Amino acid sequence: MPKKHKPDFLKWLKLAIIPHAGNDYRPHLVRRYGLVVILFFTIVLQYGAAYAQTTAIQNNGTDISSFNLLEKTNLVRANKNLAELTENEKLSQAARLKLDDMFENQYWDHNSPSGIAPWKWLNDVGYDYYAAGENLARDFASTDAVISAWLDSTEHRKNVLSEVYTEAGFAVGEGILDGQSTLLIVAFYGASGDGQNVITQIASDGNVSFWSQFKQAAQSFELFSSIGLVLIVLGVLTSILAHFNRHKLPTKLRHSVYRHHGLVKASGLMAYGTFMIMSLGIGQI
């Protein structure tokens, strides 16, 4: 009975990713030219992902809206057994005024370049309060990523989960900031009152952990970047397989520093994959 002929694709795939005698236990995917291919395609895909995200922001193609921000905020608060926040029209108006002012005067900060504090906008719309707070965000691709970033920052988290606040207002808008298309988000939190003994909380701590940034980027992934990540993961797994088969390398290579090539390449690809994730889809708070 004649032997079954393996399709050329399967032969190529085996040479590319499986260490065996036919490729001297050096899979083609993690040889120099294979790594160049991975690098080339992930860079091209990353540019495609960046273009897709920029286009989404320009076309308001994200799910970020005042409604979704309030809904997600209340979902988080409910999980912490905290009372829901109600949307306050005056807080929303104040948030819109603050957002418009940032675009008009080209800044992104709690205080304007002329020293105007956030609470000016609350006073302008006639919102009487005894407690108020402000969170900012920019260039996020999803509502989940915004809320996740705020929760992973100590000061922002205090505003989202404060037991004092009973109301909130949000504004989301796209415009040109520092010469680039930018999506800005303003959140005001408050508790109505007579204005005496006022407590204000500005979330000025924008430092978030590495893991938080990783989560933000992963939540913002588009098709292009996901394909690139798959290529990198495949390269890492292939490198690990090569490392575990290093004792089968040709004698000359087995007794040289090359015997550790699989481990070195796996580490390098993981570092590159981390860099790729960190450079994509991360907003600022």
Protein backbone atom coordinates (compact mmCIF):
# COMPACT_ATOMS: atom_id res chain seq x y z
CA MET A 1 0.00 0.00 0.00
CA PRO A 2 1.57 3.31 -1.04
CA LYS A 3 2.47 5.80 1.67
CA LYS A 4 0.21 8.77 2.06
CA HIS A 5 1.78 11.94 0.78
CA LYS A 6 1.75 14.74 3.33
CA PRO A 7 0.57 18.08 1.96
CA ASP A 8 3.40 20.53 1.36
CA PHE A 9 1.83 22.94 3.85
CA LEU A 10 2.08 20.40 6.70
CA LYS A 11 5.70 19.68 5.79
CA TRP A 12 6.47 23.39 5.83
CA LEU A 13 4.64 23.83 9.12
CA LYS A 14 6.60 21.02 10.71
CA LEU A 15 9.90 22.51 9.50
CA ALA A 16 8.84 25.91 10.79
CA ILE A 17 7.69 25.13 14.32
CA ILE A 18 8.56 21.54 15.34
CA PRO A 19 12.17 20.66 16.31
CA HIS A 20 13.12 17.44 14.51
CA ALA A 21 15.98 15.88 12.58
CA GLY A 22 14.76 17.37 9.30
CA ASN A 23 15.54 20.91 10.49
CA ASP A 24 18.46 19.95 12.77
CA TYR A 25 16.19 20.67 15.76
CA ARG A 26 16.29 24.34 14.80
CA PRO A 27 12.73 25.29 13.71
CA HIS A 28 12.78 27.76 10.84
CA LEU A 29 10.39 30.14 12.58
CA VAL A 30 13.01 30.99 15.20
CA ARG A 31 16.04 31.06 12.95
CA ARG A 32 17.29 34.51 11.98
CA TYR A 33 15.14 34.84 8.89
CA GLY A 34 12.12 33.51 10.77
CA LEU A 35 12.56 36.11 13.51
CA VAL A 36 12.87 38.80 10.84
CA VAL A 37 9.55 37.63 9.37
CA ILE A 38 7.89 37.80 12.81
CA LEU A 39 9.34 41.25 13.41
CA PHE A 40 8.27 42.53 9.98
CA PHE A 41 4.70 41.27 10.15
CA THR A 42 4.08 42.36 13.75
CA ILE A 43 5.32 45.88 12.96
CA VAL A 44 3.07 46.06 9.89
CA LEU A 45 0.13 44.70 11.89
CA GLN A 46 0.84 47.10 14.73
CA TYR A 47 0.72 50.06 12.36
CA GLY A 48 -2.56 48.68 11.05
CA ALA A 49 -3.94 48.43 14.59
CA ALA A 50 -2.82 51.96 15.42
CA TYR A 51 -4.47 53.23 12.24
CA ALA A 52 -7.68 51.36 13.06
CA GLN A 53 -7.78 52.79 16.58
CA THR A 54 -7.09 56.34 15.36
CA THR A 55 -9.83 55.98 12.75
CA ALA A 56 -12.23 54.68 15.40
CA ILE A 57 -11.56 57.70 17.59
CA GLN A 58 -11.94 60.09 14.65
CA ASN A 59 -15.20 58.46 13.65
CA ASN A 60 -16.37 58.12 17.26
CA GLY A 61 -16.22 54.37 16.77
CA THR A 62 -15.64 53.52 20.43
CA ASP A 63 -18.28 52.48 22.94
CA ILE A 64 -17.29 55.30 25.31
CA SER A 65 -20.30 57.44 26.18
CA SER A 66 -21.74 59.18 29.23
CA PHE A 67 -24.37 56.45 29.53
CA ASN A 68 -21.84 53.61 29.39
CA LEU A 69 -19.45 55.30 31.81
CA LEU A 70 -22.23 55.74 34.37
CA GLU A 71 -23.48 52.19 33.82
CA LYS A 72 -20.01 50.66 34.27
CA THR A 73 -19.31 52.86 37.29
CA ASN A 74 -22.50 51.73 38.97
CA LEU A 75 -21.78 48.11 38.15
CA VAL A 76 -18.44 48.40 39.96
CA ARG A 77 -20.08 50.19 42.89
CA ALA A 78 -22.78 47.53 43.13
CA ASN A 79 -20.09 44.84 43.36
CA LYS A 80 -18.69 46.76 46.34
CA ASN A 81 -22.15 47.10 47.94
CA LEU A 82 -22.13 50.85 47.34
CA ALA A 83 -25.14 52.93 46.36
CA GLU A 84 -25.53 53.74 42.68
CA LEU A 85 -24.77 57.22 41.40
CA THR A 86 -27.51 59.09 39.58
CA GLU A 87 -26.77 61.26 36.58
CA ASN A 88 -27.00 64.95 37.40
CA GLU A 89 -27.63 67.28 34.45
CA LYS A 90 -25.65 70.13 35.99
CA LEU A 91 -22.64 67.88 36.59
CA SER A 92 -22.82 66.74 32.96
CA GLN A 93 -23.00 70.35 31.80
CA ALA A 94 -19.99 71.23 33.95
CA ALA A 95 -18.05 68.27 32.54
CA ARG A 96 -18.84 69.45 28.99
CA LEU A 97 -17.70 72.99 29.80
CA LYS A 98 -14.44 71.65 31.21
CA LEU A 99 -13.89 69.41 28.18
CA ASP A 100 -14.53 72.26 25.74
CA ASP A 101 -12.17 74.52 27.69
CA MET A 102 -9.34 71.98 27.45
CA PHE A 103 -9.65 71.83 23.69
CA GLU A 104 -10.05 75.58 23.36
CA ASN A 105 -7.04 76.41 25.52
CA GLN A 106 -4.99 73.34 24.54
CA TYR A 107 -4.31 71.66 27.86
CA TRP A 108 -5.09 68.40 29.61
CA ASP A 109 -5.01 68.86 33.34
CA HIS A 110 -7.26 69.41 36.31
CA ASN A 111 -6.24 73.06 36.49
CA SER A 112 -6.11 75.28 33.40
CA PRO A 113 -2.87 77.06 32.39
CA SER A 114 -4.31 80.23 33.96
CA GLY A 115 -4.89 78.42 37.25
CA ILE A 116 -8.64 77.82 36.98
CA ALA A 117 -9.67 74.90 39.21
CA PRO A 118 -12.26 72.29 38.13
CA TRP A 119 -14.82 73.61 40.60
CA LYS A 120 -15.28 76.78 38.53
CA TRP A 121 -17.39 74.77 36.09
CA LEU A 122 -19.59 73.48 38.90
CA ASN A 123 -20.17 77.02 40.10
CA ASP A 124 -20.86 78.22 36.55
CA VAL A 125 -23.75 75.78 36.14
CA GLY A 126 -25.10 76.51 39.64
CA TYR A 127 -24.35 73.12 41.19
CA ASP A 128 -24.45 73.47 45.00
CA TYR A 129 -22.41 70.78 46.68
CA TYR A 130 -20.63 69.83 49.85
CA ALA A 131 -18.41 67.23 48.14
CA ALA A 132 -17.09 67.00 44.59
CA GLY A 133 -14.41 65.16 42.65
CA GLU A 134 -13.01 65.04 39.14
CA ASN A 135 -11.47 62.25 37.02
CA LEU A 136 -9.95 62.73 33.57
CA ALA A 137 -8.98 60.31 30.81
CA ARG A 138 -7.86 60.50 27.20
CA ASP A 139 -7.46 58.29 24.15
CA PHE A 140 -8.96 55.08 25.48
CA ALA A 141 -10.59 52.63 23.06
CA SER A 142 -13.31 51.28 25.35
CA THR A 143 -15.36 52.11 28.42
CA ASP A 144 -14.01 49.03 30.22
CA ALA A 145 -10.45 50.25 29.71
CA VAL A 146 -11.30 53.69 31.16
CA ILE A 147 -12.95 52.28 34.28
CA SER A 148 -10.17 49.70 34.73
CA ALA A 149 -7.53 52.42 34.57
CA TRP A 150 -9.36 54.60 37.10
CA LEU A 151 -9.77 51.67 39.49
CA ASP A 152 -6.07 50.82 39.28
CA SER A 153 -5.07 54.36 40.29
CA THR A 154 -5.42 55.13 43.99
CA GLU A 155 -6.79 58.66 43.68
CA HIS A 156 -9.08 57.92 40.73
CA ARG A 157 -10.42 54.87 42.54
CA LYS A 158 -11.36 57.03 45.55
CA ASN A 159 -13.66 59.09 43.33
CA VAL A 160 -15.25 56.10 41.62
CA LEU A 161 -15.91 54.25 44.87
CA SER A 162 -16.50 57.11 47.30
CA GLU A 163 -19.40 56.57 49.70
CA VAL A 164 -19.89 60.34 49.89
CA TYR A 165 -20.89 60.96 46.27
CA THR A 166 -24.46 60.42 45.18
CA GLU A 167 -24.38 61.93 41.69
CA ALA A 168 -22.15 62.01 38.62
CA GLY A 169 -21.88 63.67 35.25
CA PHE A 170 -19.71 62.73 32.28
CA ALA A 171 -18.61 64.35 29.05
CA VAL A 172 -16.90 62.60 26.12
CA GLY A 173 -15.60 64.49 23.10
CA GLU A 174 -13.09 64.32 20.27
CA GLY A 175 -11.00 67.21 19.01
CA ILE A 176 -7.48 68.37 18.25
CA LEU A 177 -5.07 68.57 21.17
CA ASP A 178 -1.34 69.17 20.66
CA GLY A 179 -1.90 68.78 16.93
CA GLN A 180 -3.40 65.29 17.22
CA SER A 181 -6.92 63.89 17.15
CA THR A 182 -7.71 63.18 20.80
CA LEU A 183 -10.61 61.69 22.71
CA LEU A 184 -11.12 63.37 26.10
CA ILE A 185 -13.25 62.18 28.99
CA VAL A 186 -14.28 64.30 31.97
CA ALA A 187 -16.06 62.88 35.02
CA PHE A 188 -17.50 64.97 37.85
CA TYR A 189 -18.75 63.35 41.03
CA GLY A 190 -20.74 65.21 43.65
CA ALA A 191 -23.05 65.31 46.61
CA SER A 192 -25.58 68.12 46.66
CA GLY A 193 -25.58 70.46 49.64
CA ASP A 194 -25.48 74.02 50.84
CA GLY A 195 -21.85 74.54 49.82
CA GLN A 196 -20.51 74.76 53.37
CA ASN A 197 -17.59 72.61 54.54
CA VAL A 198 -16.87 71.73 50.93
CA ILE A 199 -14.75 68.61 50.29
CA THR A 200 -13.04 68.36 46.91
CA GLN A 201 -11.03 65.47 45.50
CA ILE A 202 -8.84 65.81 42.42
CA ALA A 203 -7.50 62.51 41.12
CA SER A 204 -3.99 63.73 40.49
CA ASP A 205 -2.28 60.35 40.87
CA GLY A 206 -2.09 59.09 37.31
CA ASN A 207 0.51 56.41 37.99
CA VAL A 208 -0.78 52.93 37.32
CA SER A 209 0.95 49.60 37.64
CA PHE A 210 2.57 47.69 34.80
CA TRP A 211 -0.14 45.05 35.07
CA SER A 212 -2.83 47.71 34.84
CA GLN A 213 -1.28 49.11 31.66
CA PHE A 214 -1.05 45.57 30.28
CA LYS A 215 -4.78 45.04 30.96
CA GLN A 216 -5.70 48.37 29.40
CA ALA A 217 -3.83 47.51 26.21
CA ALA A 218 -5.28 44.00 26.05
CA GLN A 219 -8.80 45.43 26.43
CA SER A 220 -8.11 47.77 23.52
CA PHE A 221 -6.80 45.11 21.12
CA GLU A 222 -7.98 45.17 17.52
CA LEU A 223 -7.83 42.35 14.96
CA PHE A 224 -4.45 43.47 13.56
CA SER A 225 -2.67 43.54 16.89
CA SER A 226 -4.26 40.24 17.95
CA ILE A 227 -2.82 38.50 14.87
CA GLY A 228 0.59 39.98 15.67
CA LEU A 229 0.37 38.72 19.23
CA VAL A 230 -0.52 35.23 17.97
CA LEU A 231 2.65 35.24 15.84
CA ILE A 232 4.74 36.20 18.85
CA VAL A 233 3.13 33.55 21.07
CA LEU A 234 3.78 30.94 18.36
CA GLY A 235 7.41 32.06 18.23
CA VAL A 236 7.74 31.80 22.01
CA LEU A 237 6.26 28.28 22.09
CA THR A 238 8.50 27.19 19.23
CA SER A 239 11.55 28.60 21.02
CA ILE A 240 10.63 26.72 24.20
CA LEU A 241 10.26 23.48 22.24
CA ALA A 242 13.68 24.09 20.70
CA HIS A 243 15.15 24.71 24.16
CA PHE A 244 13.84 21.38 25.46
CA ASN A 245 15.35 19.62 22.45
CA ARG A 246 18.75 21.35 22.71
CA HIS A 247 20.47 18.05 23.57
CA LYS A 248 19.62 16.86 20.02
CA LEU A 249 21.31 19.75 18.23
CA PRO A 250 24.21 19.00 15.88
CA THR A 251 27.36 18.30 17.94
CA LYS A 252 29.08 21.56 16.98
CA LEU A 253 26.12 23.64 18.10
CA ARG A 254 25.36 21.49 21.14
CA HIS A 255 28.78 22.28 22.60
CA SER A 256 28.60 26.01 21.92
CA VAL A 257 26.68 28.89 23.43
CA TYR A 258 24.07 28.25 20.77
CA ARG A 259 22.69 25.42 22.89
CA HIS A 260 20.77 28.10 24.81
CA HIS A 261 19.33 29.72 21.67
CA GLY A 262 15.77 28.59 22.41
CA LEU A 263 15.72 30.14 25.85
CA VAL A 264 17.29 33.38 24.62
CA LYS A 265 14.82 33.69 21.74
CA ALA A 266 11.83 32.87 23.94
CA SER A 267 12.89 35.58 26.40
CA GLY A 268 13.47 38.08 23.60
CA LEU A 269 10.12 37.40 21.97
CA MET A 270 8.29 37.70 25.30
CA ALA A 271 9.98 41.05 25.92
CA TYR A 272 9.05 42.18 22.41
CA GLY A 273 5.47 41.01 22.86
CA THR A 274 5.21 42.93 26.12
CA PHE A 275 6.56 46.05 24.40
CA MET A 276 4.06 45.59 21.58
CA ILE A 277 1.15 45.36 24.01
CA MET A 278 2.36 48.29 26.07
CA SER A 279 2.73 50.50 23.02
CA LEU A 280 -0.80 49.90 21.79
CA GLY A 281 -4.17 51.02 23.01
CA ILE A 282 -3.06 52.66 26.26
CA GLY A 283 -4.86 55.79 27.24
CA GLN A 284 -3.81 58.26 29.90
CA ILE A 285 -5.40 59.32 33.16
